[in-house]
């Protein structure tokens, strides 16, 4: 399984963050509504949990 992270997406006044846990990008995008998936584009980061054991993080600084 992989963790897909999209940064600076789904914005209104501030940038959003989207995260999905799935085997493939197609499966990850299917977890979102059609409109949201279209707005996401390519993930910023993809973490393969089977092989990548490096600690990683992502966050959104709130506002607006």
PDB file of N, CA and C in Angstrom:
ATOM      1  N   UNK A   1       0.842  -1.182   0.000  1.00  0.00           N
ATOM      2  CA  UNK A   1       0.000   0.000   0.000  1.00  0.00           C
ATOM      3  C   UNK A   1       0.889   1.248   0.000  1.00  0.00           C
ATOM      4  N   UNK A   2       0.294   2.331  -0.485  1.00  0.00           N
ATOM      5  CA  UNK A   2       1.026   3.589  -0.587  1.00  0.00           C
ATOM      6  C   UNK A   2       0.202   4.714   0.025  1.00  0.00           C
ATOM      7  N   UNK A   3       0.896   5.720   0.511  1.00  0.00           N
ATOM      8  CA  UNK A   3       0.257   6.941   0.979  1.00  0.00           C
ATOM      9  C   UNK A   3       0.500   8.003  -0.093  1.00  0.00           C
ATOM     10  N   UNK A   4      -0.585   8.571  -0.600  1.00  0.00           N
ATOM     11  CA  UNK A   4      -0.521   9.627  -1.607  1.00  0.00           C
ATOM     12  C   UNK A   4      -0.852  10.939  -0.920  1.00  0.00           C
ATOM     13  N   UNK A   5       0.005  11.943  -1.095  1.00  0.00           N
ATOM     14  CA  UNK A   5      -0.197  13.242  -0.449  1.00  0.00           C
ATOM     15  C   UNK A   5      -0.207  14.324  -1.513  1.00  0.00           C
ATOM     16  N   UNK A   6      -1.247  15.148  -1.492  1.00  0.00           N
ATOM     17  CA  UNK A   6      -1.349  16.304  -2.371  1.00  0.00           C
ATOM     18  C   UNK A   6      -1.303  17.543  -1.487  1.00  0.00           C
ATOM     19  N   UNK A   7      -0.361  18.430  -1.754  1.00  0.00           N
ATOM     20  CA  UNK A   7      -0.263  19.679  -1.008  1.00  0.00           C
ATOM     21  C   UNK A   7      -0.712  20.827  -1.898  1.00  0.00           C
ATOM     22  N   UNK A   8      -1.179  21.896  -1.284  1.00  0.00           N
ATOM     23  CA  UNK A   8      -1.596  23.109  -2.001  1.00  0.00           C
ATOM     24  C   UNK A   8      -2.728  22.817  -2.979  1.00  0.00           C
ATOM     25  N   UNK A   9      -3.752  22.079  -2.530  1.00  0.00           N
ATOM     26  CA  UNK A   9      -4.891  21.706  -3.369  1.00  0.00           C
ATOM     27  C   UNK A   9      -6.199  22.092  -2.680  1.00  0.00           C
ATOM     28  N   UNK A  10      -7.302  21.975  -3.414  1.00  0.00           N
ATOM     29  CA  UNK A  10      -8.641  22.196  -2.875  1.00  0.00           C
ATOM     30  C   UNK A  10      -8.701  23.499  -2.090  1.00  0.00           C
ATOM     31  N   UNK A  11      -8.283  24.568  -2.731  1.00  0.00           N
ATOM     32  CA  UNK A  11      -8.163  25.850  -2.052  1.00  0.00           C
ATOM     33  C   UNK A  11      -9.441  26.673  -2.099  1.00  0.00           C
ATOM     34  N   UNK A  12      -9.617  27.487  -1.110  1.00  0.00           N
ATOM     35  CA  UNK A  12     -10.588  28.560  -1.146  1.00  0.00           C
ATOM     36  C   UNK A  12      -9.807  29.827  -0.801  1.00  0.00           C
ATOM     37  N   UNK A  13      -9.669  30.146   0.471  1.00  0.00           N
ATOM     38  CA  UNK A  13      -8.814  31.273   0.861  1.00  0.00           C
ATOM     39  C   UNK A  13      -7.399  30.811   1.167  1.00  0.00           C
ATOM     40  N   UNK A  14      -7.273  29.558   1.572  1.00  0.00           N
ATOM     41  CA  UNK A  14      -5.954  29.002   1.876  1.00  0.00           C
ATOM     42  C   UNK A  14      -5.819  27.651   1.183  1.00  0.00           C
ATOM     43  N   UNK A  15      -4.586  27.175   1.085  1.00  0.00           N
ATOM     44  CA  UNK A  15      -4.310  25.891   0.442  1.00  0.00           C
ATOM     45  C   UNK A  15      -4.730  24.735   1.336  1.00  0.00           C
ATOM     46  N   UNK A  16      -5.168  23.651   0.694  1.00  0.00           N
ATOM     47  CA  UNK A  16      -5.570  22.464   1.425  1.00  0.00           C
ATOM     48  C   UNK A  16      -4.560  21.338   1.265  1.00  0.00           C
ATOM     49  N   UNK A  17      -4.848  20.231   1.932  1.00  0.00           N
ATOM     50  CA  UNK A  17      -4.018  19.034   1.895  1.00  0.00           C
ATOM     51  C   UNK A  17      -4.958  17.848   1.730  1.00  0.00           C
ATOM     52  N   UNK A  18      -4.604  16.919   0.861  1.00  0.00           N
ATOM     53  CA  UNK A  18      -5.389  15.701   0.675  1.00  0.00           C
ATOM     54  C   UNK A  18      -4.457  14.506   0.834  1.00  0.00           C
ATOM     55  N   UNK A  19      -4.955  13.461   1.488  1.00  0.00           N
ATOM     56  CA  UNK A  19      -4.165  12.256   1.731  1.00  0.00           C
ATOM     57  C   UNK A  19      -5.032  11.038   1.431  1.00  0.00           C
ATOM     58  N   UNK A  20      -4.457  10.048   0.763  1.00  0.00           N
ATOM     59  CA  UNK A  20      -5.161   8.797   0.502  1.00  0.00           C
ATOM     60  C   UNK A  20      -4.198   7.633   0.715  1.00  0.00           C
ATOM     61  N   UNK A  21      -4.730   6.518   1.198  1.00  0.00           N
ATOM     62  CA  UNK A  21      -3.961   5.287   1.417  1.00  0.00           C
ATOM     63  C   UNK A  21      -4.552   4.233   0.495  1.00  0.00           C
ATOM     64  N   UNK A  22      -3.783   3.828  -0.527  1.00  0.00           N
ATOM     65  CA  UNK A  22      -4.300   2.894  -1.538  1.00  0.00           C
ATOM     66  C   UNK A  22      -3.132   2.201  -2.237  1.00  0.00           C
ATOM     67  N   UNK A  23      -3.443   1.180  -3.037  1.00  0.00           N
ATOM     68  CA  UNK A  23      -2.413   0.465  -3.810  1.00  0.00           C
ATOM     69  C   UNK A  23      -1.919   1.284  -4.997  1.00  0.00           C
ATOM     70  N   UNK A  24      -2.847   1.951  -5.715  1.00  0.00           N
ATOM     71  CA  UNK A  24      -2.480   2.673  -6.937  1.00  0.00           C
ATOM     72  C   UNK A  24      -3.038   4.083  -6.898  1.00  0.00           C
ATOM     73  N   UNK A  25      -2.506   4.930  -7.764  1.00  0.00           N
ATOM     74  CA  UNK A  25      -3.003   6.295  -7.872  1.00  0.00           C
ATOM     75  C   UNK A  25      -4.470   6.288  -8.294  1.00  0.00           C
ATOM     76  N   UNK A  26      -4.830   5.395  -9.196  1.00  0.00           N
ATOM     77  CA  UNK A  26      -6.218   5.305  -9.646  1.00  0.00           C
ATOM     78  C   UNK A  26      -7.155   4.986  -8.480  1.00  0.00           C
ATOM     79  N   UNK A  27      -6.754   4.045  -7.623  1.00  0.00           N
ATOM     80  CA  UNK A  27      -7.564   3.719  -6.452  1.00  0.00           C
ATOM     81  C   UNK A  27      -7.647   4.907  -5.505  1.00  0.00           C
ATOM     82  N   UNK A  28      -6.526   5.599  -5.334  1.00  0.00           N
ATOM     83  CA  UNK A  28      -6.505   6.765  -4.445  1.00  0.00           C
ATOM     84  C   UNK A  28      -7.459   7.837  -4.951  1.00  0.00           C
ATOM     85  N   UNK A  29      -7.409   8.135  -6.237  1.00  0.00           N
ATOM     86  CA  UNK A  29      -8.285   9.161  -6.799  1.00  0.00           C
ATOM     87  C   UNK A  29      -9.752   8.756  -6.724  1.00  0.00           C
ATOM     88  N   UNK A  30     -10.032   7.460  -6.832  1.00  0.00           N
ATOM     89  CA  UNK A  30     -11.407   6.981  -6.765  1.00  0.00           C
ATOM     90  C   UNK A  30     -12.024   7.197  -5.380  1.00  0.00           C
ATOM     91  N   UNK A  31     -11.191   7.369  -4.363  1.00  0.00           N
ATOM     92  CA  UNK A  31     -11.695   7.613  -3.018  1.00  0.00           C
ATOM     93  C   UNK A  31     -12.289   9.009  -2.870  1.00  0.00           C
ATOM     94  N   UNK A  32     -11.920   9.919  -3.762  1.00  0.00           N
ATOM     95  CA  UNK A  32     -12.416  11.286  -3.718  1.00  0.00           C
ATOM     96  C   UNK A  32     -13.604  11.436  -4.661  1.00  0.00           C
ATOM     97  N   UNK A  33     -14.451  12.407  -4.384  1.00  0.00           N
ATOM     98  CA  UNK A  33     -15.534  12.725  -5.319  1.00  0.00           C
ATOM     99  C   UNK A  33     -14.928  13.143  -6.643  1.00  0.00           C
ATOM    100  N   UNK A  34     -15.674  12.999  -7.726  1.00  0.00           N
ATOM    101  CA  UNK A  34     -15.184  13.329  -9.066  1.00  0.00           C
ATOM    102  C   UNK A  34     -14.579  14.726  -9.134  1.00  0.00           C
ATOM    103  N   UNK A  35     -15.256  15.711  -8.574  1.00  0.00           N
ATOM    104  CA  UNK A  35     -14.765  17.094  -8.618  1.00  0.00           C
ATOM    105  C   UNK A  35     -13.429  17.213  -7.891  1.00  0.00           C
ATOM    106  N   UNK A  36     -13.346  16.623  -6.707  1.00  0.00           N
ATOM    107  CA  UNK A  36     -12.120  16.722  -5.920  1.00  0.00           C
ATOM    108  C   UNK A  36     -10.960  16.028  -6.630  1.00  0.00           C
ATOM    109  N   UNK A  37     -11.196  14.853  -7.197  1.00  0.00           N
ATOM    110  CA  UNK A  37     -10.138  14.112  -7.887  1.00  0.00           C
ATOM    111  C   UNK A  37      -9.611  14.923  -9.061  1.00  0.00           C
ATOM    112  N   UNK A  38     -10.496  15.591  -9.784  1.00  0.00           N
ATOM    113  CA  UNK A  38     -10.087  16.401 -10.922  1.00  0.00           C
ATOM    114  C   UNK A  38      -9.207  17.572 -10.470  1.00  0.00           C
ATOM    115  N   UNK A  39      -9.500  18.130  -9.319  1.00  0.00           N
ATOM    116  CA  UNK A  39      -8.760  19.283  -8.806  1.00  0.00           C
ATOM    117  C   UNK A  39      -7.407  18.902  -8.212  1.00  0.00           C
ATOM    118  N   UNK A  40      -7.189  17.631  -7.939  1.00  0.00           N
ATOM    119  CA  UNK A  40      -5.957  17.219  -7.258  1.00  0.00           C
ATOM    120  C   UNK A  40      -4.737  17.210  -8.167  1.00  0.00           C
ATOM    121  N   UNK A  41      -4.862  16.701  -9.378  1.00  0.00           N
ATOM    122  CA  UNK A  41      -3.689  16.572 -10.243  1.00  0.00           C
ATOM    123  C   UNK A  41      -2.742  15.508  -9.717  1.00  0.00           C
ATOM    124  N   UNK A  42      -1.456  15.675  -9.975  1.00  0.00           N
ATOM    125  CA  UNK A  42      -0.448  14.699  -9.546  1.00  0.00           C
ATOM    126  C   UNK A  42      -0.135  14.877  -8.059  1.00  0.00           C
ATOM    127  N   UNK A  43       0.066  13.768  -7.331  1.00  0.00           N
ATOM    128  CA  UNK A  43       0.418  13.876  -5.917  1.00  0.00           C
ATOM    129  C   UNK A  43       1.764  14.574  -5.738  1.00  0.00           C
ATOM    130  N   UNK A  44       1.889  15.305  -4.648  1.00  0.00           N
ATOM    131  CA  UNK A  44       3.149  15.947  -4.288  1.00  0.00           C
ATOM    132  C   UNK A  44       4.152  14.902  -3.812  1.00  0.00           C
ATOM    133  N   UNK A  45       3.658  13.932  -3.042  1.00  0.00           N
ATOM    134  CA  UNK A  45       4.494  12.887  -2.450  1.00  0.00           C
ATOM    135  C   UNK A  45       3.761  11.553  -2.518  1.00  0.00           C
ATOM    136  N   UNK A  46       4.499  10.483  -2.823  1.00  0.00           N
ATOM    137  CA  UNK A  46       3.960   9.123  -2.761  1.00  0.00           C
ATOM    138  C   UNK A  46       4.920   8.310  -1.902  1.00  0.00           C
ATOM    139  N   UNK A  47       4.397   7.710  -0.846  1.00  0.00           N
ATOM    140  CA  UNK A  47       5.213   6.911   0.061  1.00  0.00           C
ATOM    141  C   UNK A  47       4.796   5.451  -0.089  1.00  0.00           C
ATOM    142  N   UNK A  48       5.725   4.592  -0.514  1.00  0.00           N
ATOM    143  CA  UNK A  48       5.459   3.160  -0.622  1.00  0.00           C
ATOM    144  C   UNK A  48       5.745   2.536   0.740  1.00  0.00           C
ATOM    145  N   UNK A  49       4.699   2.203   1.461  1.00  0.00           N
ATOM    146  CA  UNK A  49       4.836   1.714   2.833  1.00  0.00           C
ATOM    147  C   UNK A  49       5.530   0.355   2.928  1.00  0.00           C
ATOM    148  N   UNK A  50       5.565  -0.394   1.836  1.00  0.00           N
ATOM    149  CA  UNK A  50       6.214  -1.705   1.843  1.00  0.00           C
ATOM    150  C   UNK A  50       7.732  -1.586   1.804  1.00  0.00           C
ATOM    151  N   UNK A  51       8.239  -0.528   1.173  1.00  0.00           N
ATOM    152  CA  UNK A  51       9.682  -0.428   0.995  1.00  0.00           C
ATOM    153  C   UNK A  51      10.308   0.801   1.641  1.00  0.00           C
ATOM    154  N   UNK A  52       9.559   1.861   1.813  1.00  0.00           N
ATOM    155  CA  UNK A  52      10.115   3.101   2.358  1.00  0.00           C
ATOM    156  C   UNK A  52       9.811   3.198   3.842  1.00  0.00           C
ATOM    157  N   UNK A  53      10.822   3.020   4.653  1.00  0.00           N
ATOM    158  CA  UNK A  53      10.651   3.061   6.108  1.00  0.00           C
ATOM    159  C   UNK A  53      11.150   4.381   6.701  1.00  0.00           C
ATOM    160  N   UNK A  54      11.428   5.365   5.842  1.00  0.00           N
ATOM    161  CA  UNK A  54      11.908   6.667   6.291  1.00  0.00           C
ATOM    162  C   UNK A  54      10.758   7.451   6.923  1.00  0.00           C
ATOM    163  N   UNK A  55      10.913   7.944   8.134  1.00  0.00           N
ATOM    164  CA  UNK A  55       9.862   8.767   8.726  1.00  0.00           C
ATOM    165  C   UNK A  55       9.604  10.022   7.868  1.00  0.00           C
ATOM    166  N   UNK A  56       8.351  10.326   7.630  1.00  0.00           N
ATOM    167  CA  UNK A  56       7.984  11.477   6.818  1.00  0.00           C
ATOM    168  C   UNK A  56       6.751  12.131   7.413  1.00  0.00           C
ATOM    169  N   UNK A  57       6.519  13.397   7.050  1.00  0.00           N
ATOM    170  CA  UNK A  57       5.335  14.091   7.525  1.00  0.00           C
ATOM    171  C   UNK A  57       4.925  15.148   6.523  1.00  0.00           C
ATOM    172  N   UNK A  58       3.680  15.580   6.638  1.00  0.00           N
ATOM    173  CA  UNK A  58       3.167  16.678   5.846  1.00  0.00           C
ATOM    174  C   UNK A  58       2.069  17.336   6.667  1.00  0.00           C
ATOM    175  N   UNK A  59       1.867  18.631   6.485  1.00  0.00           N
ATOM    176  CA  UNK A  59       0.812  19.315   7.215  1.00  0.00           C
ATOM    177  C   UNK A  59       0.358  20.546   6.463  1.00  0.00           C
ATOM    178  N   UNK A  60      -0.762  21.079   6.903  1.00  0.00           N
ATOM    179  CA  UNK A  60      -1.274  22.330   6.370  1.00  0.00           C
ATOM    180  C   UNK A  60      -1.341  23.314   7.526  1.00  0.00           C
ATOM    181  N   UNK A  61      -0.795  24.482   7.309  1.00  0.00           N
ATOM    182  CA  UNK A  61      -0.882  25.530   8.305  1.00  0.00           C
ATOM    183  C   UNK A  61      -2.222  26.214   8.121  1.00  0.00           C
ATOM    184  N   UNK A  62      -3.081  26.151   9.096  1.00  0.00           N
ATOM    185  CA  UNK A  62      -4.453  26.625   8.963  1.00  0.00           C
ATOM    186  C   UNK A  62      -4.560  28.128   8.812  1.00  0.00           C
ATOM    187  N   UNK A  63      -5.670  28.548   8.324  1.00  0.00           N
ATOM    188  CA  UNK A  63      -5.946  29.966   8.157  1.00  0.00           C
ATOM    189  C   UNK A  63      -7.281  30.174   7.476  1.00  0.00           C
ATOM    190  N   UNK A  64      -7.579  31.418   7.205  1.00  0.00           N
ATOM    191  CA  UNK A  64      -8.764  31.805   6.450  1.00  0.00           C
ATOM    192  C   UNK A  64     -10.005  31.327   7.040  1.00  0.00           C
TER     193      UNK A  64
END
